[in-house]
Amino acid sequence: MSFDEAVADFPAGRINVRGPSVAYTPWHLVEHLRITQWDILRHIEDPVGHVSPDWPVGYWPAPD
């Protein structure tokens, strides 16, 4: 399943709603993917000069 297929029917009004006993919202998960992909791309483009975010905190948006 592609990402587009996985999110095709997701209700937009729930993007910032946490599930029960879950620390992150769906938006947090998508932002985590974006940050991680950004880091991978920058490392490929500049493996010597790029500094990755601190692990793991730098790969997640603030929960608030």
C-alpha atoms as a PDB file:
ATOM      1  CA  MET A   1       0.000   0.000   0.000  1.00  0.00           C
ATOM      2  CA  SER A   2       1.366   3.415  -0.898  1.00  0.00           C
ATOM      3  CA  PHE A   3       1.346   6.353   1.501  1.00  0.00           C
ATOM      4  CA  ASP A   4      -1.349   8.042  -0.592  1.00  0.00           C
ATOM      5  CA  GLU A   5      -3.531   4.930  -0.372  1.00  0.00           C
ATOM      6  CA  ALA A   6      -2.959   4.655   3.371  1.00  0.00           C
ATOM      7  CA  VAL A   7      -4.132   8.204   4.044  1.00  0.00           C
ATOM      8  CA  ALA A   8      -6.751   8.548   1.283  1.00  0.00           C
ATOM      9  CA  ASP A   9      -9.760   8.120   3.570  1.00  0.00           C
ATOM     10  CA  PHE A  10      -8.263   9.611   6.706  1.00  0.00           C
ATOM     11  CA  PRO A  11     -10.641  12.192   8.214  1.00  0.00           C
ATOM     12  CA  ALA A  12      -8.837  15.544   8.057  1.00  0.00           C
ATOM     13  CA  GLY A  13     -10.577  16.718  11.228  1.00  0.00           C
ATOM     14  CA  ARG A  14      -8.768  13.980  13.206  1.00  0.00           C
ATOM     15  CA  ILE A  15      -5.196  14.846  12.126  1.00  0.00           C
ATOM     16  CA  ASN A  16      -4.415  16.500  15.497  1.00  0.00           C
ATOM     17  CA  VAL A  17      -6.330  14.088  17.736  1.00  0.00           C
ATOM     18  CA  ARG A  18      -4.410  11.626  19.903  1.00  0.00           C
ATOM     19  CA  GLY A  19      -5.719   8.112  20.228  1.00  0.00           C
ATOM     20  CA  PRO A  20      -6.198   6.565  23.668  1.00  0.00           C
ATOM     21  CA  SER A  21      -2.846   6.015  25.411  1.00  0.00           C
ATOM     22  CA  VAL A  22      -0.924   7.416  22.405  1.00  0.00           C
ATOM     23  CA  ALA A  23       1.591  10.247  22.819  1.00  0.00           C
ATOM     24  CA  TYR A  24       1.446  11.487  19.225  1.00  0.00           C
ATOM     25  CA  THR A  25      -1.216  12.536  16.757  1.00  0.00           C
ATOM     26  CA  PRO A  26      -1.325  11.413  13.126  1.00  0.00           C
ATOM     27  CA  TRP A  27       0.234  14.780  12.234  1.00  0.00           C
ATOM     28  CA  HIS A  28       3.182  13.998  14.540  1.00  0.00           C
ATOM     29  CA  LEU A  29       3.728  10.704  12.699  1.00  0.00           C
ATOM     30  CA  VAL A  30       3.704  12.375   9.277  1.00  0.00           C
ATOM     31  CA  GLU A  31       6.060  15.102  10.546  1.00  0.00           C
ATOM     32  CA  HIS A  32       8.374  12.397  11.927  1.00  0.00           C
ATOM     33  CA  LEU A  33       8.515  10.849   8.439  1.00  0.00           C
ATOM     34  CA  ARG A  34       9.247  14.258   6.876  1.00  0.00           C
ATOM     35  CA  ILE A  35      12.079  15.031   9.311  1.00  0.00           C
ATOM     36  CA  THR A  36      13.600  11.588   8.816  1.00  0.00           C
ATOM     37  CA  GLN A  37      13.440  11.817   5.010  1.00  0.00           C
ATOM     38  CA  TRP A  38      14.919  15.337   5.136  1.00  0.00           C
ATOM     39  CA  ASP A  39      17.843  14.026   7.196  1.00  0.00           C
ATOM     40  CA  ILE A  40      18.485  11.124   4.814  1.00  0.00           C
ATOM     41  CA  LEU A  41      18.398  13.430   1.777  1.00  0.00           C
ATOM     42  CA  ARG A  42      20.727  16.008   3.347  1.00  0.00           C
ATOM     43  CA  HIS A  43      23.168  13.257   4.345  1.00  0.00           C
ATOM     44  CA  ILE A  44      23.212  11.946   0.767  1.00  0.00           C
ATOM     45  CA  GLU A  45      23.750  15.446  -0.630  1.00  0.00           C
ATOM     46  CA  ASP A  46      26.454  16.402   1.881  1.00  0.00           C
ATOM     47  CA  PRO A  47      27.758  13.376   3.803  1.00  0.00           C
ATOM     48  CA  VAL A  48      30.668  15.318   5.300  1.00  0.00           C
ATOM     49  CA  GLY A  49      29.033  18.611   6.248  1.00  0.00           C
ATOM     50  CA  HIS A  50      25.542  17.506   7.236  1.00  0.00           C
ATOM     51  CA  VAL A  51      24.859  17.131  10.941  1.00  0.00           C
ATOM     52  CA  SER A  52      21.886  14.920  11.761  1.00  0.00           C
ATOM     53  CA  PRO A  53      19.470  15.847  14.537  1.00  0.00           C
ATOM     54  CA  ASP A  54      20.011  14.310  17.967  1.00  0.00           C
ATOM     55  CA  TRP A  55      18.555  10.809  18.206  1.00  0.00           C
ATOM     56  CA  PRO A  56      15.735  10.253  18.875  1.00  0.00           C
ATOM     57  CA  VAL A  57      14.393  13.603  20.073  1.00  0.00           C
ATOM     58  CA  GLY A  58      15.480  15.479  16.941  1.00  0.00           C
ATOM     59  CA  TYR A  59      13.386  13.235  14.717  1.00  0.00           C
ATOM     60  CA  TRP A  60      10.079  13.937  16.441  1.00  0.00           C
ATOM     61  CA  PRO A  61       8.102  17.186  16.728  1.00  0.00           C
ATOM     62  CA  ALA A  62       7.275  18.349  20.232  1.00  0.00           C
ATOM     63  CA  PRO A  63       4.231  16.466  21.512  1.00  0.00           C
ATOM     64  CA  ASP A  64       2.492  19.723  22.388  1.00  0.00           C
END
